[in-house]
Protein backbone atom coordinates (compact mmCIF):
# COMPACT_ATOMS: atom_id res chain seq x y z
CA MET A 1 -8.55 36.05 -6.15
CA SER A 2 -10.33 33.02 -4.80
CA THR A 3 -8.28 31.00 -2.44
CA LEU A 4 -9.13 27.50 -1.21
CA ILE A 5 -8.06 26.03 2.42
CA TYR A 6 -9.20 22.71 3.82
CA GLY A 7 -9.88 22.63 7.65
CA LYS A 8 -12.29 22.52 10.30
CA VAL A 9 -15.37 25.06 11.23
CA THR A 10 -13.85 25.72 15.09
CA ASN A 11 -16.20 28.63 15.81
CA ALA A 12 -19.24 29.71 14.48
CA TYR A 13 -21.09 33.11 15.43
CA ALA A 14 -23.05 36.29 14.40
CA SER A 15 -21.15 38.89 13.87
CA VAL A 16 -21.13 42.14 16.65
CA PRO A 17 -23.12 44.72 16.27
CA LEU A 18 -25.55 44.29 13.76
CA GLY A 19 -25.27 40.69 13.15
CA LYS A 20 -25.59 40.67 9.59
CA ASN A 21 -22.61 38.29 8.85
CA MET A 22 -22.11 34.71 10.08
CA CYS A 23 -18.58 34.27 10.77
CA PHE A 24 -17.11 31.03 10.91
CA GLU A 25 -13.61 30.32 11.89
CA LEU A 26 -11.21 27.78 10.64
CA ASN A 27 -8.51 25.95 12.29
CA SER A 28 -8.95 28.48 15.45
CA GLU A 29 -7.12 30.71 12.91
CA LEU A 30 -8.62 31.88 9.94
CA VAL A 31 -12.34 33.86 10.26
CA LEU A 32 -14.41 33.85 7.56
CA ASN A 33 -17.61 35.39 6.41
CA ALA A 34 -21.21 34.90 4.65
CA PRO A 35 -24.36 36.74 4.91
CA ALA A 36 -26.54 36.01 7.78
CA GLY A 37 -29.30 34.07 6.70
CA SER A 38 -28.23 32.66 3.53
CA LEU A 39 -27.90 29.36 1.77
CA LEU A 40 -24.10 29.63 2.42
CA ALA A 41 -24.55 30.40 6.29
CA ARG A 42 -27.62 28.11 6.71
CA SER A 43 -25.23 24.89 5.03
CA VAL A 44 -22.35 25.21 7.61
CA LYS A 45 -22.34 24.77 10.87
CA ARG A 46 -19.64 24.70 13.94
CA GLY A 47 -18.07 20.82 13.54
CA ASP A 48 -18.23 20.73 9.80
CA PHE A 49 -14.64 20.28 8.40
CA GLY A 50 -13.81 20.00 4.23
CA TYR A 51 -13.04 22.59 1.59
CA PHE A 52 -13.81 26.27 1.93
CA VAL A 53 -13.59 29.03 -1.13
CA TYR A 54 -13.00 32.39 0.14
CA ASP A 55 -11.90 36.46 -1.73
CA GLU A 56 -9.90 38.80 -0.88
CA HIS A 57 -11.98 40.54 1.53
CA LYS A 58 -12.39 36.77 3.53
CA SER A 59 -16.27 36.12 2.15
CA MET A 60 -17.12 32.66 1.80
CA THR A 61 -18.45 31.86 -1.61
CA ASP A 62 -18.04 27.83 -2.17
CA VAL A 63 -18.02 25.13 0.98
CA TYR A 64 -18.04 21.35 0.19
CA THR A 65 -17.66 19.32 3.65
CA LEU A 66 -17.13 15.82 4.31
CA LYS A 67 -18.58 13.25 6.04
CA SER A 68 -17.13 13.29 10.07
CA SER A 69 -15.89 9.67 9.74
CA LEU A 70 -13.39 11.19 7.54
CA TYR A 71 -12.01 13.39 9.98
CA GLN A 72 -9.42 11.63 12.16
CA THR A 73 -8.09 10.06 9.03
CA MET A 74 -6.92 13.06 7.30
CA GLU A 75 -5.74 14.83 10.05
CA SER A 76 -3.12 12.65 11.28
CA LYS A 77 -2.35 12.02 7.82
CA LEU A 78 -2.35 15.32 7.28
CA SER A 79 -0.22 16.37 9.84
CA HIS A 80 2.00 13.83 8.84
CA HIS A 81 2.50 15.98 5.42
CA GLN A 82 3.03 19.27 7.16
CA LYS A 83 5.68 17.11 9.29
CA CYS A 84 7.43 16.43 6.51
CA LEU A 85 7.24 19.60 4.50
CA GLU A 86 8.49 21.57 7.90
CA ALA A 87 11.68 19.30 7.79
CA SER A 88 12.32 19.00 4.33
CA THR A 89 12.49 23.02 4.30
CA ALA A 90 14.70 23.04 7.76
CA ARG A 91 17.36 20.78 6.01
CA MET A 92 17.02 22.19 2.96
CA ILE A 93 18.05 26.17 4.06
CA SER A 94 20.37 24.30 6.41
CA ALA A 95 22.00 22.59 3.42
CA TYR A 96 22.08 26.09 0.98
CA ASN A 97 23.69 28.29 3.94
CA THR A 98 27.01 25.61 3.60
CA LEU A 99 27.34 27.19 0.15
CA SER A 100 28.57 29.76 -1.72
CA ALA A 101 26.43 32.50 -3.88
CA ASN A 102 27.76 30.33 -6.87
CA ASP A 103 27.06 27.15 -5.62
CA LYS A 104 23.47 27.93 -4.70
CA ALA A 105 23.27 29.62 -7.72
CA ILE A 106 24.44 26.05 -9.53
CA VAL A 107 22.33 24.21 -7.93
CA ALA A 108 19.24 26.10 -7.85
CA ASN A 109 19.38 26.17 -11.25
CA ALA A 110 19.68 22.59 -11.64
CA ILE A 111 16.67 22.01 -9.92
CA ALA A 112 14.87 24.43 -12.05
CA MET A 113 15.98 22.53 -14.87
CA THR A 114 14.68 19.52 -13.49
CA VAL A 115 11.35 21.02 -12.69
CA SER A 116 10.43 23.06 -15.74
CA GLY A 117 12.17 20.41 -18.01
CA GLY A 118 12.86 22.98 -21.04
CA LEU A 119 15.90 22.39 -23.59
CA CYS A 120 18.40 24.87 -24.39
CA VAL A 121 21.08 23.19 -26.14
CA ALA A 122 23.85 26.15 -26.42
CA SER A 123 23.31 26.86 -22.34
CA VAL A 124 23.74 23.17 -22.18
CA ILE A 125 26.90 22.90 -23.59
CA GLY A 126 28.28 26.30 -21.88
CA THR A 127 26.99 25.51 -18.53
CA ILE A 128 28.66 22.06 -18.36
CA ALA A 129 31.70 23.21 -19.63
CA SER A 130 32.07 25.33 -16.84
CA LEU A 131 31.22 23.03 -14.35
CA CYS A 132 33.97 20.35 -15.53
CA VAL A 133 36.53 23.02 -15.63
CA GLY A 134 35.50 24.71 -12.36
CA ASP A 135 34.98 27.99 -14.22
CA PHE A 136 31.44 28.41 -11.97
CA THR A 137 31.13 32.33 -12.35
CA GLY A 138 30.13 31.22 -16.29
CA ILE A 139 26.62 29.99 -15.27
CA LEU A 140 25.64 32.43 -13.60
CA GLY A 141 24.86 34.91 -16.87
CA GLY A 142 22.45 33.13 -19.78
CA ALA A 143 22.58 29.71 -18.82
CA ALA A 144 21.76 30.66 -14.76
CA ALA A 145 18.34 31.99 -16.64
CA SER A 146 17.56 28.86 -19.41
CA ALA A 147 15.47 26.15 -18.25
CA VAL A 148 16.85 22.60 -20.19
CA THR A 149 16.09 18.81 -19.50
CA GLY A 150 16.34 16.73 -16.24
CA ALA A 151 19.35 14.74 -18.41
CA TYR A 152 21.55 17.89 -18.17
CA ALA A 153 20.87 17.91 -14.54
CA TYR A 154 21.90 14.80 -14.09
CA ILE A 155 25.28 15.78 -15.76
CA ALA A 156 25.62 18.45 -13.94
CA TYR A 157 24.74 16.84 -10.44
CA ASP A 158 27.96 14.26 -11.38
CA SER A 159 30.12 17.26 -11.44
CA MET A 160 28.71 18.97 -7.91
CA SER A 161 30.72 18.89 -4.66
CA LYS A 162 29.05 16.97 -1.64
CA SER A 163 27.29 19.72 -0.19
CA MET A 164 25.87 20.48 -3.68
CA GLN A 165 24.69 17.76 -3.91
CA ASN A 166 23.43 17.39 -0.83
CA ALA A 167 21.23 20.75 -1.25
CA TYR A 168 19.91 19.74 -4.38
CA ASP A 169 19.11 16.06 -2.71
CA CYS A 170 17.49 18.49 -0.09
CA SER A 171 15.72 20.62 -2.71
CA GLU A 172 14.13 17.57 -4.54
CA ALA A 173 12.87 16.43 -1.41
CA PHE A 174 11.55 19.67 -0.26
CA SER A 175 9.39 19.94 -3.45
CA LYS A 176 8.11 16.07 -3.34
CA ALA A 177 7.47 17.00 0.36
CA LEU A 178 5.46 20.35 -0.72
CA GLY A 179 3.63 17.92 -4.00
CA ALA A 180 2.54 15.45 -1.66
CA TYR A 181 1.20 17.68 0.84
CA HIS A 182 -1.06 19.51 -1.86
CA THR A 183 -2.25 15.95 -3.18
CA PHE A 184 -3.24 14.37 -0.32
CA THR A 185 -4.94 17.80 1.19
CA SER A 186 -6.42 17.93 -2.53
CA GLN A 187 -7.20 14.36 -2.51
CA ASN A 188 -11.11 15.04 -2.18
CA VAL A 189 -11.57 18.53 -3.85
CA PRO A 190 -14.76 18.32 -6.22
CA GLU A 191 -13.56 19.27 -10.14
CA HIS A 192 -14.53 22.49 -9.86
CA MET A 193 -12.27 23.76 -6.68
CA ARG A 194 -9.24 21.91 -7.89
CA GLU A 195 -7.32 24.47 -10.02
CA LEU A 196 -7.78 27.20 -6.84
CA PRO A 197 -4.38 27.98 -4.46
CA LEU A 198 -4.45 25.84 -1.41
CA HIS A 199 -3.76 27.90 1.46
CA ASN A 200 -2.26 26.80 4.87
CA ILE A 201 -1.74 29.31 7.78
CA GLN A 202 1.67 27.53 8.21
CA PHE A 203 2.99 28.68 4.37
CA SER A 204 2.98 32.31 5.66
CA GLU A 205 5.81 30.79 7.97
CA PHE A 206 7.43 28.24 5.57
CA THR A 207 7.96 31.28 2.89
CA LYS A 208 9.81 33.38 5.50
CA LEU A 209 12.32 30.91 6.14
CA VAL A 210 12.78 29.86 2.25
CA ARG A 211 13.52 33.38 1.59
CA THR A 212 16.75 33.62 3.47
CA VAL A 213 17.53 31.11 0.70
CA PHE A 214 15.79 31.97 -2.17
CA PRO A 215 14.44 35.48 -2.05
CA HIS A 216 12.29 35.83 -4.73
CA ILE A 217 9.74 32.88 -3.18
CA THR A 218 6.51 33.91 -2.71
CA GLU A 219 3.71 32.55 -0.44
CA GLU A 220 1.40 32.06 -3.61
CA GLN A 221 4.09 29.93 -4.79
CA PHE A 222 3.71 27.75 -1.54
CA MET A 223 0.05 27.40 -2.45
CA THR A 224 -0.06 26.96 -6.23
CA ASN A 225 3.06 24.45 -5.74
CA ASP A 226 5.00 26.65 -8.49
CA ILE A 227 8.14 27.49 -6.76
CA ASN A 228 10.67 30.20 -7.98
CA TRP A 229 14.28 28.64 -7.73
CA SER A 230 15.84 31.63 -8.68
CA VAL A 231 18.44 32.77 -5.99
CA ALA A 232 19.70 35.85 -8.32
């Protein structure tokens, strides 16, 4: 699978002992390689920054460098977005940890409904009734697997407890922070790279944290900005 990463070449050196490849260290964390003497290897040097595409073997397959004048601005704003994502992740986990298993399922389902924008009228009616009478176990079956519109999520929100509403709000803040990170990081990506998963070395840490609440979360979901809100 091809993956996109934004970063700066913090080191460049020939592989040892044969030196058949050039190695490029990005952000002092990820090392990519390219055949020594190839056009790709010769087009990248230490200090370059921009977007790099690599495969499952960490072989660089494409690069799009940016003008150096953009670097400070990009780094400052990217740091801001990453801190926002980190903070929203921590708040969301804290909010869900105050809820029972049933309440977690209700809130997560409402978030999934908002995100998907789907519609299942029977499930909407059944779930609203369950929420209104306090029979929270009712939505853990078919309704929990059904996606409905944001209009339903609003109705469900009014029926939630304060702690459930807080978890819902924190989930939305997390989604916005992840979306903002993707949008900003990808703003200068050329068209042919735009659909690739976007990697950040910190996504693995975020994934471990969020999986304590949402066990189906994977690092790829962070990379594609497509979160699975299931708690089942």
